[in-house]
């Protein structure tokens, strides 16, 4: 790739796959400002590693890999920062609680809520699974074997179904 075209190619790739950035950010950040910061950090890391992009992988695989790694690091840093700084709880000023409560009453809202409680690896696996990525693609993105992907996804699905049923039946 010619250096002169590098920014244009990069912007084209990011624009084409920006949905991945939003999905990852929405999965790892509840707060709108945190999501914006995370997306910005992901784009910075994508740019820094664009020179080393391996063409044997699809751009989407490469973007998921970097996005998930950045999101997990960001999530850990944010949790540490929040524990240390103990900020003022702004939820008391958030009048969208009724909207959130209504959304969680739907099956999709409930599923998203259950997925958000998963650990980072399992959350990433479910995000990719729900994106209809095959086990080979997921294994390339996450860095575990296809067999391990299949086993973990099967266990997560069983766990989510049990939790979902338990909540819906009570």
Protein backbone atom coordinates (compact mmCIF):
# COMPACT_ATOMS: atom_id res chain seq x y z
CA UNK A 1 0.00 0.00 0.00
CA UNK A 2 1.40 3.39 -0.97
CA UNK A 3 1.91 5.77 1.95
CA UNK A 4 0.05 8.49 0.06
CA UNK A 5 -3.12 6.35 -0.04
CA UNK A 6 -2.82 4.96 3.49
CA UNK A 7 -5.11 7.54 5.19
CA UNK A 8 -7.75 7.18 2.46
CA UNK A 9 -7.71 3.38 2.61
CA UNK A 10 -7.84 3.47 6.41
CA UNK A 11 -10.81 5.84 6.46
CA UNK A 12 -12.62 3.71 3.89
CA UNK A 13 -12.06 0.53 5.93
CA UNK A 14 -13.19 2.17 9.19
CA UNK A 15 -16.25 3.68 7.53
CA UNK A 16 -17.23 0.33 6.01
CA UNK A 17 -16.86 -1.49 9.34
CA UNK A 18 -17.88 1.23 11.82
CA UNK A 19 -20.80 -0.92 12.97
CA UNK A 20 -18.27 -3.21 14.66
CA UNK A 21 -16.92 -0.28 16.66
CA UNK A 22 -20.39 0.69 17.85
CA UNK A 23 -21.36 -2.88 18.75
CA UNK A 24 -18.21 -3.41 20.78
CA UNK A 25 -18.51 -0.02 22.50
CA UNK A 26 -22.18 -0.62 23.33
CA UNK A 27 -21.32 -4.02 24.78
CA UNK A 28 -18.58 -2.74 27.07
CA UNK A 29 -19.77 0.76 28.06
CA UNK A 30 -23.08 1.81 29.60
CA UNK A 31 -22.31 5.53 29.57
CA UNK A 32 -22.56 7.51 26.31
CA UNK A 33 -19.39 9.52 27.00
CA UNK A 34 -17.44 6.34 27.80
CA UNK A 35 -18.64 4.81 24.51
CA UNK A 36 -17.39 7.87 22.60
CA UNK A 37 -14.02 7.66 24.37
CA UNK A 38 -13.76 3.94 23.68
CA UNK A 39 -14.56 4.34 19.98
CA UNK A 40 -11.95 7.07 19.74
CA UNK A 41 -9.36 4.84 21.46
CA UNK A 42 -10.22 1.92 19.15
CA UNK A 43 -9.75 4.11 16.07
CA UNK A 44 -6.38 5.33 17.39
CA UNK A 45 -5.23 1.74 17.95
CA UNK A 46 -6.52 0.67 14.53
CA UNK A 47 -4.53 3.49 12.93
CA UNK A 48 -1.38 2.58 14.88
CA UNK A 49 -1.61 -1.04 13.77
CA UNK A 50 -2.82 -0.40 10.20
CA UNK A 51 0.75 -0.57 8.90
CA UNK A 52 1.00 -4.14 10.24
CA UNK A 53 -2.38 -5.36 8.95
CA UNK A 54 -2.09 -8.98 7.77
CA UNK A 55 -3.97 -9.39 4.49
CA UNK A 56 -4.62 -13.08 5.11
CA UNK A 57 -7.38 -11.95 7.50
CA UNK A 58 -10.52 -10.03 6.61
CA UNK A 59 -10.64 -6.42 7.71
CA UNK A 60 -13.63 -7.26 9.93
CA UNK A 61 -11.61 -9.94 11.75
CA UNK A 62 -8.73 -7.51 12.29
CA UNK A 63 -11.09 -4.77 13.50
CA UNK A 64 -12.90 -7.11 15.92
CA UNK A 65 -9.58 -8.32 17.31
CA UNK A 66 -8.28 -4.83 18.03
CA UNK A 67 -11.66 -3.47 19.14
CA UNK A 68 -12.22 -6.24 21.67
CA UNK A 69 -8.69 -5.97 23.06
CA UNK A 70 -9.00 -2.20 23.43
CA UNK A 71 -12.49 -2.52 24.93
CA UNK A 72 -11.36 -5.04 27.53
CA UNK A 73 -8.39 -2.86 28.52
CA UNK A 74 -10.60 0.24 28.57
CA UNK A 75 -13.22 -1.55 30.69
CA UNK A 76 -10.58 -2.63 33.22
CA UNK A 77 -9.11 0.87 33.43
CA UNK A 78 -12.55 2.46 33.81
CA UNK A 79 -13.53 0.05 36.58
CA UNK A 80 -10.28 0.74 38.42
CA UNK A 81 -10.68 4.49 37.98
CA UNK A 82 -14.29 4.41 39.17
CA UNK A 83 -13.38 2.37 42.26
CA UNK A 84 -10.59 4.79 43.12
CA UNK A 85 -12.36 8.08 42.39
CA UNK A 86 -15.84 7.10 43.62
CA UNK A 87 -17.57 9.73 41.46
CA UNK A 88 -20.90 11.41 42.19
CA UNK A 89 -23.70 9.14 41.07
CA UNK A 90 -25.46 10.94 38.24
CA UNK A 91 -28.17 8.30 37.88
CA UNK A 92 -30.37 10.35 40.17
CA UNK A 93 -30.55 12.93 37.38
CA UNK A 94 -31.22 10.34 34.66
CA UNK A 95 -34.87 10.43 33.71
CA UNK A 96 -34.50 7.63 31.15
CA UNK A 97 -34.83 4.96 33.86
CA UNK A 98 -38.40 4.27 32.81
CA UNK A 99 -37.29 3.78 29.19
CA UNK A 100 -34.56 1.38 30.31
CA UNK A 101 -37.01 -0.51 32.53
CA UNK A 102 -39.45 -0.86 29.63
CA UNK A 103 -36.70 -2.11 27.32
CA UNK A 104 -35.54 -4.69 29.86
CA UNK A 105 -39.07 -6.06 29.96
CA UNK A 106 -38.69 -7.20 26.40
CA UNK A 107 -36.93 -10.44 25.64
CA UNK A 108 -34.17 -8.68 23.72
CA UNK A 109 -33.59 -6.23 26.53
CA UNK A 110 -33.39 -9.07 29.01
CA UNK A 111 -30.95 -11.01 26.83
CA UNK A 112 -28.74 -7.93 26.44
CA UNK A 113 -28.85 -7.41 30.19
CA UNK A 114 -27.78 -11.01 30.84
CA UNK A 115 -24.99 -10.79 28.26
CA UNK A 116 -23.72 -7.54 29.79
CA UNK A 117 -23.17 -9.40 33.09
CA UNK A 118 -20.85 -11.96 31.46
CA UNK A 119 -17.08 -11.74 31.91
CA UNK A 120 -15.08 -10.07 29.13
CA UNK A 121 -14.20 -13.23 27.17
CA UNK A 122 -17.73 -14.65 27.25
CA UNK A 123 -19.22 -11.27 26.37
CA UNK A 124 -16.89 -11.05 23.36
CA UNK A 125 -17.78 -14.60 22.32
CA UNK A 126 -21.51 -13.86 22.46
CA UNK A 127 -21.09 -10.58 20.60
CA UNK A 128 -19.33 -12.38 17.76
CA UNK A 129 -21.77 -15.31 17.86
CA UNK A 130 -24.74 -12.94 17.62
CA UNK A 131 -22.98 -11.25 14.70
CA UNK A 132 -23.23 -14.69 13.04
CA UNK A 133 -19.47 -15.15 12.84
CA UNK A 134 -18.51 -18.78 12.34
CA UNK A 135 -16.33 -20.61 14.88
CA UNK A 136 -13.24 -20.28 12.67
CA UNK A 137 -13.61 -16.48 12.48
CA UNK A 138 -14.30 -16.25 16.21
CA UNK A 139 -11.24 -18.36 17.01
CA UNK A 140 -9.07 -16.07 14.84
CA UNK A 141 -10.44 -12.94 16.51
CA UNK A 142 -10.32 -14.19 20.11
CA UNK A 143 -7.21 -16.34 19.79
CA UNK A 144 -8.57 -19.67 21.07
CA UNK A 145 -9.22 -22.92 19.22
CA UNK A 146 -12.42 -23.55 17.27
CA UNK A 147 -13.24 -26.43 19.62
CA UNK A 148 -12.83 -24.16 22.62
CA UNK A 149 -15.07 -21.56 20.93
CA UNK A 150 -17.79 -24.17 20.31
CA UNK A 151 -17.61 -25.49 23.88
CA UNK A 152 -17.66 -22.04 25.47
CA UNK A 153 -20.53 -20.80 23.31
CA UNK A 154 -22.56 -23.92 24.09
CA UNK A 155 -22.02 -23.41 27.83
CA UNK A 156 -22.83 -19.70 27.63
CA UNK A 157 -26.03 -20.37 25.70
CA UNK A 158 -27.11 -22.95 28.29
CA UNK A 159 -26.32 -20.56 31.13
CA UNK A 160 -28.15 -17.66 29.46
CA UNK A 161 -31.17 -19.82 28.69
CA UNK A 162 -31.39 -21.01 32.30
CA UNK A 163 -31.10 -17.44 33.63
CA UNK A 164 -33.57 -16.17 31.05
CA UNK A 165 -36.10 -18.88 31.90
CA UNK A 166 -35.64 -18.32 35.63
CA UNK A 167 -36.33 -14.60 35.29
CA UNK A 168 -39.27 -15.04 32.91
CA UNK A 169 -40.88 -17.67 35.19
CA UNK A 170 -40.72 -15.49 38.31
